[in-house]
C-alpha atoms as a PDB file:
ATOM      1  CA  MET A   1      76.418  60.342 -83.052  1.00  0.00           C
ATOM      2  CA  ASN A   2      73.089  60.055 -81.244  1.00  0.00           C
ATOM      3  CA  VAL A   3      71.230  56.987 -80.025  1.00  0.00           C
ATOM      4  CA  THR A   4      69.161  56.677 -83.198  1.00  0.00           C
ATOM      5  CA  GLU A   5      72.249  56.702 -85.401  1.00  0.00           C
ATOM      6  CA  ASP A   6      73.925  54.108 -83.145  1.00  0.00           C
ATOM      7  CA  PHE A   7      70.930  51.783 -83.529  1.00  0.00           C
ATOM      8  CA  LYS A   8      70.845  52.418 -87.269  1.00  0.00           C
ATOM      9  CA  THR A   9      74.501  51.359 -87.549  1.00  0.00           C
ATOM     10  CA  LEU A  10      73.959  48.251 -85.438  1.00  0.00           C
ATOM     11  CA  LEU A  11      70.750  47.144 -87.162  1.00  0.00           C
ATOM     12  CA  ALA A  12      71.643  47.923 -90.794  1.00  0.00           C
ATOM     13  CA  PRO A  13      73.164  44.512 -91.606  1.00  0.00           C
ATOM     14  CA  HIS A  14      70.117  42.692 -90.206  1.00  0.00           C
ATOM     15  CA  PHE A  15      67.224  44.721 -91.613  1.00  0.00           C
ATOM     16  CA  SER A  16      65.977  45.585 -95.061  1.00  0.00           C
ATOM     17  CA  PRO A  17      66.151  49.326 -95.879  1.00  0.00           C
ATOM     18  CA  GLU A  18      62.370  49.630 -95.433  1.00  0.00           C
ATOM     19  CA  MET A  19      62.381  47.886 -92.052  1.00  0.00           C
ATOM     20  CA  LEU A  20      65.363  49.947 -90.962  1.00  0.00           C
ATOM     21  CA  ALA A  21      63.608  53.209 -91.896  1.00  0.00           C
ATOM     22  CA  VAL A  22      60.490  52.212 -89.935  1.00  0.00           C
ATOM     23  CA  SER A  23      62.578  51.125 -86.941  1.00  0.00           C
ATOM     24  CA  VAL A  24      64.606  54.338 -86.898  1.00  0.00           C
ATOM     25  CA  GLU A  25      61.445  56.442 -87.179  1.00  0.00           C
ATOM     26  CA  TYR A  26      59.943  54.522 -84.254  1.00  0.00           C
ATOM     27  CA  LEU A  27      63.056  55.172 -82.152  1.00  0.00           C
ATOM     28  CA  ARG A  28      63.049  58.877 -83.041  1.00  0.00           C
ATOM     29  CA  LYS A  29      59.450  59.145 -81.891  1.00  0.00           C
ATOM     30  CA  ASP A  30      60.413  57.857 -78.451  1.00  0.00           C
ATOM     31  CA  GLU A  31      63.614  59.883 -78.018  1.00  0.00           C
ATOM     32  CA  THR A  32      63.458  62.204 -75.063  1.00  0.00           C
ATOM     33  CA  HIS A  33      65.577  65.257 -74.594  1.00  0.00           C
ATOM     34  CA  GLU A  34      66.771  65.790 -71.073  1.00  0.00           C
ATOM     35  CA  LEU A  35      65.733  69.004 -69.451  1.00  0.00           C
ATOM     36  CA  SER A  36      67.836  70.686 -66.797  1.00  0.00           C
ATOM     37  CA  PRO A  37      66.293  71.118 -63.340  1.00  0.00           C
ATOM     38  CA  PRO A  38      65.625  74.860 -63.885  1.00  0.00           C
ATOM     39  CA  GLU A  39      63.880  74.023 -67.175  1.00  0.00           C
ATOM     40  CA  ILE A  40      61.799  71.338 -65.435  1.00  0.00           C
ATOM     41  CA  ILE A  41      60.808  73.795 -62.711  1.00  0.00           C
ATOM     42  CA  GLU A  42      59.712  76.459 -65.175  1.00  0.00           C
ATOM     43  CA  LEU A  43      57.887  73.905 -67.312  1.00  0.00           C
ATOM     44  CA  ILE A  44      55.939  72.588 -64.323  1.00  0.00           C
ATOM     45  CA  PHE A  45      55.021  76.095 -63.166  1.00  0.00           C
ATOM     46  CA  LYS A  46      53.873  76.978 -66.690  1.00  0.00           C
ATOM     47  CA  VAL A  47      51.804  73.814 -67.147  1.00  0.00           C
ATOM     48  CA  VAL A  48      50.202  74.085 -63.698  1.00  0.00           C
ATOM     49  CA  GLY A  49      49.381  77.724 -64.460  1.00  0.00           C
ATOM     50  CA  ASP A  50      47.844  76.723 -67.791  1.00  0.00           C
ATOM     51  CA  ILE A  51      45.762  73.933 -66.241  1.00  0.00           C
ATOM     52  CA  THR A  52      44.499  75.943 -63.266  1.00  0.00           C
ATOM     53  CA  GLY A  53      44.222  79.281 -65.060  1.00  0.00           C
ATOM     54  CA  LEU A  54      46.367  81.031 -62.442  1.00  0.00           C
ATOM     55  CA  ARG A  55      49.736  82.481 -63.384  1.00  0.00           C
ATOM     56  CA  ASP A  56      50.758  84.175 -60.158  1.00  0.00           C
ATOM     57  CA  PHE A  57      50.186  81.343 -57.679  1.00  0.00           C
ATOM     58  CA  ARG A  58      53.893  80.785 -57.079  1.00  0.00           C
ATOM     59  CA  LYS A  59      54.792  83.871 -55.052  1.00  0.00           C
ATOM     60  CA  CYS A  60      51.305  84.768 -53.889  1.00  0.00           C
ATOM     61  CA  LYS A  61      50.617  84.341 -50.159  1.00  0.00           C
ATOM     62  CA  THR A  62      46.830  84.291 -50.362  1.00  0.00           C
ATOM     63  CA  ARG A  63      44.920  81.366 -48.900  1.00  0.00           C
ATOM     64  CA  LYS A  64      42.140  81.415 -51.458  1.00  0.00           C
ATOM     65  CA  ALA A  65      41.244  77.870 -52.459  1.00  0.00           C
ATOM     66  CA  ASP A  66      42.242  78.294 -56.133  1.00  0.00           C
ATOM     67  CA  PHE A  67      45.714  79.526 -55.217  1.00  0.00           C
ATOM     68  CA  VAL A  68      46.217  76.897 -52.507  1.00  0.00           C
ATOM     69  CA  PHE A  69      45.222  74.141 -54.934  1.00  0.00           C
ATOM     70  CA  SER A  70      47.610  75.466 -57.605  1.00  0.00           C
ATOM     71  CA  ARG A  71      50.512  75.714 -55.159  1.00  0.00           C
ATOM     72  CA  GLN A  72      49.861  72.242 -53.744  1.00  0.00           C
ATOM     73  CA  LEU A  73      49.557  70.791 -57.240  1.00  0.00           C
ATOM     74  CA  ALA A  74      52.859  72.394 -58.250  1.00  0.00           C
ATOM     75  CA  MET A  75      54.625  71.194 -55.081  1.00  0.00           C
ATOM     76  CA  PHE A  76      53.284  67.661 -55.514  1.00  0.00           C
ATOM     77  CA  THR A  77      54.346  67.628 -59.161  1.00  0.00           C
ATOM     78  CA  LEU A  78      57.806  69.062 -58.522  1.00  0.00           C
ATOM     79  CA  TYR A  79      58.522  66.646 -55.704  1.00  0.00           C
ATOM     80  CA  ASN A  80      57.379  63.617 -57.683  1.00  0.00           C
ATOM     81  CA  SER A  81      58.853  64.597 -61.054  1.00  0.00           C
ATOM     82  CA  VAL A  82      62.475  65.029 -60.031  1.00  0.00           C
ATOM     83  CA  PRO A  83      63.884  62.335 -57.739  1.00  0.00           C
ATOM     84  CA  HIS A  84      66.603  64.472 -56.168  1.00  0.00           C
ATOM     85  CA  PHE A  85      64.332  67.394 -55.186  1.00  0.00           C
ATOM     86  CA  SER A  86      63.885  67.426 -51.419  1.00  0.00           C
ATOM     87  CA  TYR A  87      60.816  68.729 -49.629  1.00  0.00           C
ATOM     88  CA  GLN A  88      62.793  71.781 -48.510  1.00  0.00           C
ATOM     89  CA  TYR A  89      64.123  72.473 -52.011  1.00  0.00           C
ATOM     90  CA  VAL A  90      60.582  72.455 -53.415  1.00  0.00           C
ATOM     91  CA  ALA A  91      59.362  74.755 -50.621  1.00  0.00           C
ATOM     92  CA  ASN A  92      62.199  77.197 -51.374  1.00  0.00           C
ATOM     93  CA  LEU A  93      60.877  77.607 -54.926  1.00  0.00           C
ATOM     94  CA  PHE A  94      57.851  79.405 -53.488  1.00  0.00           C
ATOM     95  CA  THR A  95      57.786  82.057 -50.760  1.00  0.00           C
ATOM     96  CA  PRO A  96      60.363  82.232 -47.953  1.00  0.00           C
ATOM     97  CA  GLN A  97      57.684  81.402 -45.390  1.00  0.00           C
ATOM     98  CA  PHE A  98      57.309  77.868 -46.724  1.00  0.00           C
ATOM     99  CA  ASP A  99      59.388  75.046 -45.287  1.00  0.00           C
ATOM    100  CA  HIS A 100      59.607  71.316 -45.850  1.00  0.00           C
ATOM    101  CA  ALA A 101      56.436  70.708 -43.811  1.00  0.00           C
ATOM    102  CA  THR A 102      54.459  72.782 -46.318  1.00  0.00           C
ATOM    103  CA  THR A 103      55.604  70.535 -49.137  1.00  0.00           C
ATOM    104  CA  VAL A 104      54.903  67.380 -47.123  1.00  0.00           C
ATOM    105  CA  HIS A 105      51.386  68.663 -46.392  1.00  0.00           C
ATOM    106  CA  ALA A 106      50.869  69.569 -50.072  1.00  0.00           C
ATOM    107  CA  CYS A 107      51.916  66.099 -51.222  1.00  0.00           C
ATOM    108  CA  LYS A 108      49.695  64.336 -48.695  1.00  0.00           C
ATOM    109  CA  SER A 109      46.764  66.612 -49.548  1.00  0.00           C
ATOM    110  CA  MET A 110      47.103  65.966 -53.280  1.00  0.00           C
ATOM    111  CA  GLU A 111      47.373  62.201 -52.715  1.00  0.00           C
ATOM    112  CA  ALA A 112      44.216  62.267 -50.587  1.00  0.00           C
ATOM    113  CA  ARG A 113      42.378  64.396 -53.137  1.00  0.00           C
ATOM    114  CA  TYR A 114      43.547  62.140 -55.949  1.00  0.00           C
ATOM    115  CA  SER A 115      41.932  59.130 -54.325  1.00  0.00           C
ATOM    116  CA  THR A 116      38.662  60.846 -53.382  1.00  0.00           C
ATOM    117  CA  ASN A 117      37.984  63.636 -55.890  1.00  0.00           C
ATOM    118  CA  LYS A 118      37.310  62.887 -59.561  1.00  0.00           C
ATOM    119  CA  ALA A 119      38.071  66.426 -60.772  1.00  0.00           C
ATOM    120  CA  THR A 120      41.437  66.436 -58.993  1.00  0.00           C
ATOM    121  CA  ARG A 121      42.228  62.984 -60.372  1.00  0.00           C
ATOM    122  CA  GLU A 122      41.489  64.194 -63.924  1.00  0.00           C
ATOM    123  CA  THR A 123      43.588  67.336 -63.401  1.00  0.00           C
ATOM    124  CA  ILE A 124      46.580  65.367 -62.122  1.00  0.00           C
ATOM    125  CA  ASN A 125      46.254  62.786 -64.908  1.00  0.00           C
ATOM    126  CA  ASP A 126      46.101  65.565 -67.519  1.00  0.00           C
ATOM    127  CA  LEU A 127      49.150  67.185 -65.965  1.00  0.00           C
ATOM    128  CA  ALA A 128      51.032  63.872 -65.948  1.00  0.00           C
ATOM    129  CA  ASN A 129      50.201  63.304 -69.630  1.00  0.00           C
ATOM    130  CA  ILE A 130      51.372  66.785 -70.612  1.00  0.00           C
ATOM    131  CA  LEU A 131      54.641  66.350 -68.717  1.00  0.00           C
ATOM    132  CA  ALA A 132      55.139  62.909 -70.288  1.00  0.00           C
ATOM    133  CA  GLU A 133      55.159  64.617 -73.689  1.00  0.00           C
ATOM    134  CA  TYR A 134      58.295  66.431 -72.474  1.00  0.00           C
ATOM    135  CA  GLY A 135      59.888  63.206 -71.246  1.00  0.00           C
ATOM    136  CA  LEU A 136      58.964  63.656 -67.583  1.00  0.00           C
ATOM    137  CA  TYR A 137      57.382  60.407 -66.428  1.00  0.00           C
ATOM    138  CA  GLY A 138      57.921  60.742 -62.657  1.00  0.00           C
ATOM    139  CA  LEU A 139      54.372  61.824 -61.944  1.00  0.00           C
ATOM    140  CA  GLN A 140      52.871  59.108 -64.150  1.00  0.00           C
ATOM    141  CA  ASN A 141      54.938  56.463 -62.395  1.00  0.00           C
ATOM    142  CA  ARG A 142      53.840  57.790 -58.996  1.00  0.00           C
ATOM    143  CA  LEU A 143      50.081  57.534 -59.684  1.00  0.00           C
END
């Protein structure tokens, strides 16, 4: 039995069939399905790639501004979306040359850009809204 069915059983004696149907439909709309950490990682990399238009930013070592922005956005999002991801764990998802300081710098840079740059703010807000559709609210709660 899932959460919706549990609520349906509990509420049935107290609601009319019409009210119960509306209530259950409302609960179904808000149900989230937990993603595993590897699924979250791949989802974030995919969404960041879609938003920035760069697919190969993850393992690329170039310092071109577009790639740096994409990597920093992904690091910031990963760190803030999953509470138990450490700075070092996030850095390890990229190239071996990155360490925890790279992730710390990325997070601070994105926070500074968020407060001063309208385009960055819109990008991060769009990213947070897309991730919220998948049940990931960590980034929204951080902003």
